[in-house]
Amino acid sequence: MFAEQSVSGGRARSESRAQLEREIAALDPEVDFERIARFLYAYEFSWDLQRSLEFALFRTYAVPSISGLLAKTGEFERRPRKRYDDTELILAEILEHGLDSPRGKKAIGRMNAMHGRFRIANDDLLYVLSTFVCEPIRWLARFGRRPMTDREQRAWFLYYCGLGARMGIEGIPASVDAMMRWNSDYEAANFRFSDSNRRIGEATSNLLLGFYAPRWLFWAGRPVVRAFLDPRLLESMGFAPAPSWLQGLVMGALRARARLLRRLPLRRKPRLLTEASRPTYPEGYRIEELGTFR
């Protein structure tokens, strides 16, 4: 497995990029989807996948039944960075180590225990899962060094199908195209404004801006965040759109970055989110302590 080759004792081990690419090219996405997904996550599109998944979660907060639950618990507004880190670490543990690895099983168990405390509709869980499939594919098509290939899309999709099955989610679509259609249909039916959308959306915007700017500059950064949001999402959040000139500037900057990346050497060592330093866990973390509890 990729995790076994790239991680030893929690630390990344160098591997030949060319050797990895040859191995990945020989894999069957119907069988080896986890290894392909880990390669995309840790080597090929590491920064882009992290950003796209941040905005994937942002989209889920335009659904009142989802944002309302987060607002009710108060966790996201009181401790947004911890909520973000816990979510990212749980998902990274599963992806880096494997769905059926000891650490993967423990992370899935922790996630299911959190969800099990609440009555969450199956379609809401399926929508969140669908964003993890659809938004990275869409992001890379717009802003990536290159789009995901059909083979990579299939592996990415099957990985999340495996995760969804272990979460007890029913009715998962049978293909990438079917998932894309289901995702769009769900948004058309369920995106609508509520105050909880706005509150959680504002907390999320401030959290994302905090990664790049001091708080006193948030006022200037908020329109940049909104430049990524489509009209339906903006309306559901109660946000004003970014000025058209700023949207053009942001989109142009990301496309210029993509052109630059095509000229630069590819990543040679894996980027693993479980190894990133985090102010919420300065001395490290334990999977069983992540997330929320009664």
Protein backbone atom coordinates (compact mmCIF):
# COMPACT_ATOMS: atom_id res chain seq x y z
CA MET A 1 0.00 0.00 0.00
CA PHE A 2 1.03 3.60 -0.61
CA ALA A 3 0.84 4.47 3.07
CA GLU A 4 3.15 1.61 3.96
CA GLN A 5 5.68 2.72 1.36
CA SER A 6 5.47 6.43 2.14
CA VAL A 7 4.98 6.50 5.90
CA SER A 8 7.15 4.85 8.47
CA GLY A 9 6.71 5.57 12.16
CA GLY A 10 4.55 8.60 11.24
CA ARG A 11 7.25 10.22 9.10
CA ALA A 12 7.37 10.53 5.34
CA ARG A 13 10.00 8.43 3.58
CA SER A 14 11.46 9.56 0.24
CA GLU A 15 10.56 7.60 -2.83
CA SER A 16 11.44 7.87 -6.49
CA ARG A 17 8.79 10.00 -8.14
CA ALA A 18 9.31 8.23 -11.46
CA GLN A 19 9.02 4.83 -9.79
CA LEU A 20 5.76 5.86 -8.11
CA GLU A 21 4.30 7.17 -11.35
CA ARG A 22 5.13 3.92 -13.15
CA GLU A 23 3.50 1.92 -10.36
CA ILE A 24 0.39 4.13 -10.33
CA ALA A 25 0.04 3.90 -14.12
CA ALA A 26 -0.03 0.10 -13.89
CA LEU A 27 -2.78 0.00 -11.27
CA ASP A 28 -6.43 -0.86 -11.91
CA PRO A 29 -8.72 1.85 -10.44
CA GLU A 30 -11.45 -0.75 -9.86
CA VAL A 31 -9.16 -2.60 -7.45
CA ASP A 32 -6.37 -0.20 -6.47
CA PHE A 33 -8.44 2.95 -5.99
CA GLU A 34 -7.05 3.61 -2.51
CA ARG A 35 -3.45 3.70 -3.68
CA ILE A 36 -4.32 5.94 -6.62
CA ALA A 37 -6.32 8.28 -4.37
CA ARG A 38 -3.41 8.52 -1.92
CA PHE A 39 -1.03 9.37 -4.75
CA LEU A 40 -3.31 12.17 -5.95
CA TYR A 41 -3.69 13.48 -2.40
CA ALA A 42 -0.05 13.33 -1.27
CA TYR A 43 1.87 13.96 -4.51
CA GLU A 44 -0.02 15.01 -7.59
CA PHE A 45 -2.55 17.59 -6.37
CA SER A 46 -1.86 18.03 -2.67
CA TRP A 47 -2.46 21.81 -2.37
CA ASP A 48 -5.34 21.85 -4.82
CA LEU A 49 -7.17 18.98 -3.17
CA GLN A 50 -6.89 20.59 0.24
CA ARG A 51 -8.29 23.89 -1.06
CA SER A 52 -11.06 22.21 -3.04
CA LEU A 53 -12.15 20.18 -0.01
CA GLU A 54 -12.28 23.36 2.09
CA PHE A 55 -14.73 24.85 -0.39
CA ALA A 56 -16.55 21.52 -0.62
CA LEU A 57 -17.32 21.78 3.11
CA PHE A 58 -18.25 25.42 2.60
CA ARG A 59 -20.95 24.35 0.13
CA THR A 60 -22.54 22.03 2.66
CA TYR A 61 -23.23 25.01 4.93
CA ALA A 62 -25.71 26.39 2.35
CA VAL A 63 -28.11 23.60 3.39
CA PRO A 64 -30.17 24.71 6.43
CA SER A 65 -30.46 21.20 7.87
CA ILE A 66 -26.65 20.90 7.87
CA SER A 67 -25.74 24.42 9.00
CA GLY A 68 -28.55 24.32 11.57
CA LEU A 69 -27.04 21.26 13.25
CA LEU A 70 -23.61 22.94 13.41
CA ALA A 71 -25.15 26.12 14.78
CA LYS A 72 -27.08 24.14 17.38
CA THR A 73 -23.97 22.43 18.73
CA GLY A 74 -22.12 25.76 18.73
CA GLU A 75 -18.81 24.02 18.11
CA PHE A 76 -18.04 25.67 14.79
CA GLU A 77 -18.68 29.21 16.04
CA ARG A 78 -16.90 28.74 19.38
CA ARG A 79 -13.89 26.70 18.21
CA PRO A 80 -13.76 26.85 14.39
CA ARG A 81 -10.07 25.97 14.11
CA LYS A 82 -10.42 22.87 16.27
CA ARG A 83 -13.53 21.79 14.36
CA TYR A 84 -11.62 22.25 11.08
CA ASP A 85 -8.52 20.40 12.32
CA ASP A 86 -10.54 17.52 13.72
CA THR A 87 -12.40 17.06 10.43
CA GLU A 88 -9.22 17.29 8.36
CA LEU A 89 -7.28 14.91 10.60
CA ILE A 90 -10.01 12.27 10.69
CA LEU A 91 -10.33 12.29 6.89
CA ALA A 92 -6.53 12.36 6.43
CA GLU A 93 -6.01 9.44 8.79
CA ILE A 94 -8.42 7.34 6.71
CA LEU A 95 -6.92 8.34 3.37
CA GLU A 96 -3.27 8.07 4.39
CA HIS A 97 -3.52 4.73 6.18
CA GLY A 98 -6.38 2.99 4.40
CA LEU A 99 -10.08 2.36 4.89
CA ASP A 100 -9.51 -0.97 6.61
CA SER A 101 -6.23 -0.19 8.37
CA PRO A 102 -6.27 -0.04 12.18
CA ARG A 103 -5.94 3.76 12.16
CA GLY A 104 -8.46 4.10 9.34
CA LYS A 105 -11.02 1.99 11.19
CA LYS A 106 -10.45 3.98 14.37
CA ALA A 107 -10.96 7.29 12.52
CA ILE A 108 -14.13 6.03 10.81
CA GLY A 109 -15.42 4.81 14.17
CA ARG A 110 -14.78 8.24 15.70
CA MET A 111 -16.61 9.95 12.83
CA ASN A 112 -19.56 7.57 13.01
CA ALA A 113 -19.78 8.04 16.78
CA MET A 114 -20.07 11.81 16.32
CA HIS A 115 -22.71 11.52 13.60
CA GLY A 116 -24.61 8.88 15.57
CA ARG A 117 -25.43 11.37 18.31
CA PHE A 118 -27.76 13.24 15.95
CA ARG A 119 -30.59 12.46 13.56
CA ILE A 120 -28.96 13.23 10.22
CA ALA A 121 -30.87 12.50 7.04
CA ASN A 122 -29.23 10.00 4.71
CA ASP A 123 -29.40 12.49 1.81
CA ASP A 124 -27.56 15.12 3.86
CA LEU A 125 -24.74 12.65 4.58
CA LEU A 126 -24.71 11.61 0.93
CA TYR A 127 -24.52 15.23 -0.17
CA VAL A 128 -21.48 15.90 2.01
CA LEU A 129 -19.86 12.77 0.60
CA SER A 130 -20.70 13.86 -2.95
CA THR A 131 -18.96 17.20 -2.47
CA PHE A 132 -15.74 15.35 -1.60
CA VAL A 133 -15.95 13.63 -4.98
CA CYS A 134 -17.31 16.42 -7.17
CA GLU A 135 -15.59 19.58 -5.95
CA PRO A 136 -11.98 18.34 -6.34
CA ILE A 137 -12.77 17.19 -9.90
CA ARG A 138 -14.35 20.55 -10.72
CA TRP A 139 -11.57 22.54 -9.03
CA LEU A 140 -8.80 20.75 -10.93
CA ALA A 141 -10.64 21.21 -14.23
CA ARG A 142 -10.67 24.97 -13.57
CA PHE A 143 -7.48 25.66 -11.64
CA GLY A 144 -5.26 22.59 -11.57
CA ARG A 145 -1.99 21.95 -13.33
CA ARG A 146 -4.11 19.51 -15.29
CA PRO A 147 -7.57 17.95 -14.83
CA MET A 148 -8.00 14.52 -13.28
CA THR A 149 -8.01 11.81 -15.92
CA ASP A 150 -11.08 9.58 -16.26
CA ARG A 151 -9.10 6.82 -14.58
CA GLU A 152 -8.16 9.07 -11.66
CA GLN A 153 -11.73 10.31 -11.32
CA ARG A 154 -12.95 6.72 -11.14
CA ALA A 155 -10.41 5.86 -8.41
CA TRP A 156 -11.25 9.03 -6.43
CA PHE A 157 -14.96 8.21 -6.71
CA LEU A 158 -14.53 4.58 -5.64
CA TYR A 159 -12.45 5.59 -2.64
CA TYR A 160 -15.28 7.80 -1.36
CA CYS A 161 -17.84 5.11 -2.19
CA GLY A 162 -15.86 2.85 0.13
CA LEU A 163 -15.83 5.51 2.83
CA GLY A 164 -19.56 6.15 2.41
CA ALA A 165 -20.35 2.44 2.71
CA ARG A 166 -18.43 2.29 6.00
CA MET A 167 -20.43 5.28 7.21
CA GLY A 168 -23.67 3.46 6.48
CA ILE A 169 -24.71 5.88 3.71
CA GLU A 170 -27.31 4.43 1.36
CA GLY A 171 -28.13 5.16 -2.28
CA ILE A 172 -24.62 6.16 -3.38
CA PRO A 173 -24.71 6.77 -7.17
CA ALA A 174 -23.01 4.17 -9.35
CA SER A 175 -20.67 6.40 -11.37
CA VAL A 176 -18.88 9.74 -11.37
CA ASP A 177 -21.38 11.21 -13.84
CA ALA A 178 -24.32 9.97 -11.78
CA MET A 179 -22.74 11.45 -8.63
CA MET A 180 -22.25 14.80 -10.39
CA ARG A 181 -25.92 14.86 -11.44
CA TRP A 182 -27.13 13.84 -7.97
CA ASN A 183 -24.96 16.56 -6.41
CA SER A 184 -26.36 19.27 -8.70
CA ASP A 185 -29.96 18.11 -8.23
CA TYR A 186 -29.58 18.07 -4.44
CA GLU A 187 -28.20 21.63 -4.43
CA ALA A 188 -31.04 22.88 -6.65
CA ALA A 189 -33.57 21.38 -4.24
CA ASN A 190 -31.93 22.20 -0.90
CA PHE A 191 -29.85 25.37 -1.18
CA ARG A 192 -31.87 28.17 0.42
CA PHE A 193 -31.09 30.99 2.81
CA SER A 194 -31.23 30.62 6.56
CA ASP A 195 -29.54 32.57 9.34
CA SER A 196 -27.56 29.47 10.34
CA ASN A 197 -26.09 29.33 6.82
CA ARG A 198 -24.89 32.91 7.17
CA ARG A 199 -23.47 32.40 10.66
CA ILE A 200 -21.56 29.22 9.83
CA GLY A 201 -20.50 30.69 6.49
CA GLU A 202 -19.05 33.77 8.18
CA ALA A 203 -17.22 31.64 10.74
CA THR A 204 -15.80 29.50 7.93
CA SER A 205 -14.71 32.54 5.91
CA ASN A 206 -12.88 33.95 8.94
CA LEU A 207 -11.24 30.59 9.57
CA LEU A 208 -9.96 30.29 6.00
CA LEU A 209 -8.74 33.87 5.97
CA GLY A 210 -6.89 33.24 9.23
CA PHE A 211 -4.57 30.86 7.38
CA TYR A 212 -3.30 33.72 5.20
CA ALA A 213 -3.91 37.09 6.87
CA PRO A 214 -4.10 38.78 10.30
CA ARG A 215 -7.60 39.42 11.64
CA TRP A 216 -7.39 43.16 11.00
CA LEU A 217 -7.18 42.41 7.26
CA PHE A 218 -10.19 40.07 7.14
CA TRP A 219 -12.38 42.86 5.77
CA ALA A 220 -10.20 42.92 2.63
CA GLY A 221 -10.08 39.14 2.32
CA ARG A 222 -13.79 38.37 2.59
CA PRO A 223 -14.55 39.48 -1.00
CA VAL A 224 -11.73 37.18 -2.17
CA VAL A 225 -13.45 34.19 -0.52
CA ARG A 226 -16.76 35.22 -2.10
CA ALA A 227 -15.09 35.35 -5.53
CA PHE A 228 -15.03 31.53 -5.45
CA LEU A 229 -18.75 31.19 -4.66
CA ASP A 230 -21.38 30.81 -7.39
CA PRO A 231 -24.59 32.92 -7.34
CA ARG A 232 -26.77 30.14 -5.88
CA LEU A 233 -24.31 29.57 -3.04
CA LEU A 234 -23.96 33.31 -2.36
CA GLU A 235 -27.72 33.75 -2.18
CA SER A 236 -28.09 30.79 0.17
CA MET A 237 -25.42 32.25 2.46
CA GLY A 238 -26.84 35.78 2.32
CA PHE A 239 -23.51 37.06 1.00
CA ALA A 240 -23.06 39.89 -1.49
CA PRO A 241 -21.07 38.85 -4.59
CA ALA A 242 -17.48 39.94 -5.00
CA PRO A 243 -16.91 42.77 -7.51
CA SER A 244 -16.57 41.43 -11.05
CA TRP A 245 -13.08 42.91 -11.38
CA LEU A 246 -11.96 41.00 -8.27
CA GLN A 247 -13.50 37.76 -9.52
CA GLY A 248 -11.56 38.16 -12.76
CA LEU A 249 -8.35 38.91 -10.86
CA VAL A 250 -8.67 35.88 -8.56
CA MET A 251 -9.61 33.48 -11.36
CA GLY A 252 -6.81 34.86 -13.54
CA ALA A 253 -4.25 34.44 -10.74
CA LEU A 254 -5.19 30.80 -10.25
CA ARG A 255 -5.02 30.08 -13.96
CA ALA A 256 -1.60 31.75 -14.09
CA ARG A 257 -0.52 29.54 -11.20
CA ALA A 258 -1.67 26.47 -13.15
CA ARG A 259 0.42 27.53 -16.16
CA LEU A 260 3.45 28.06 -13.90
CA LEU A 261 3.00 24.65 -12.25
CA ARG A 262 3.16 22.97 -15.65
CA ARG A 263 6.70 24.31 -16.00
CA LEU A 264 7.90 23.44 -12.50
CA PRO A 265 9.23 20.08 -11.24
CA LEU A 266 6.66 17.78 -9.70
CA ARG A 267 6.56 17.04 -5.98
CA ARG A 268 9.03 14.31 -5.00
CA LYS A 269 8.03 13.76 -1.37
CA PRO A 270 4.52 13.21 -0.02
CA ARG A 271 2.63 16.00 1.70
CA LEU A 272 0.78 14.40 4.60
CA LEU A 273 -1.77 16.44 6.52
CA THR A 274 -1.42 14.24 9.61
CA GLU A 275 2.14 15.57 9.95
CA ALA A 276 1.30 19.28 9.66
CA SER A 277 1.88 21.35 12.79
CA ARG A 278 -1.37 22.62 14.32
CA PRO A 279 -1.89 25.15 17.13
CA THR A 280 -4.84 23.09 18.36
CA TYR A 281 -2.58 20.07 18.92
CA PRO A 282 0.93 21.40 19.66
CA GLU A 283 1.99 18.09 21.23
CA GLY A 284 0.23 15.80 18.77
CA TYR A 285 -3.16 14.15 18.87
CA ARG A 286 -4.91 10.83 19.44
CA ILE A 287 -7.64 9.74 17.05
CA GLU A 288 -10.01 8.79 19.86
CA GLU A 289 -9.82 12.34 21.22
CA LEU A 290 -10.67 14.10 17.93
CA GLY A 291 -14.07 15.68 17.34
CA THR A 292 -16.95 16.37 19.66
CA PHE A 293 -18.42 14.39 22.54
CA ARG A 294 -21.57 14.51 24.62
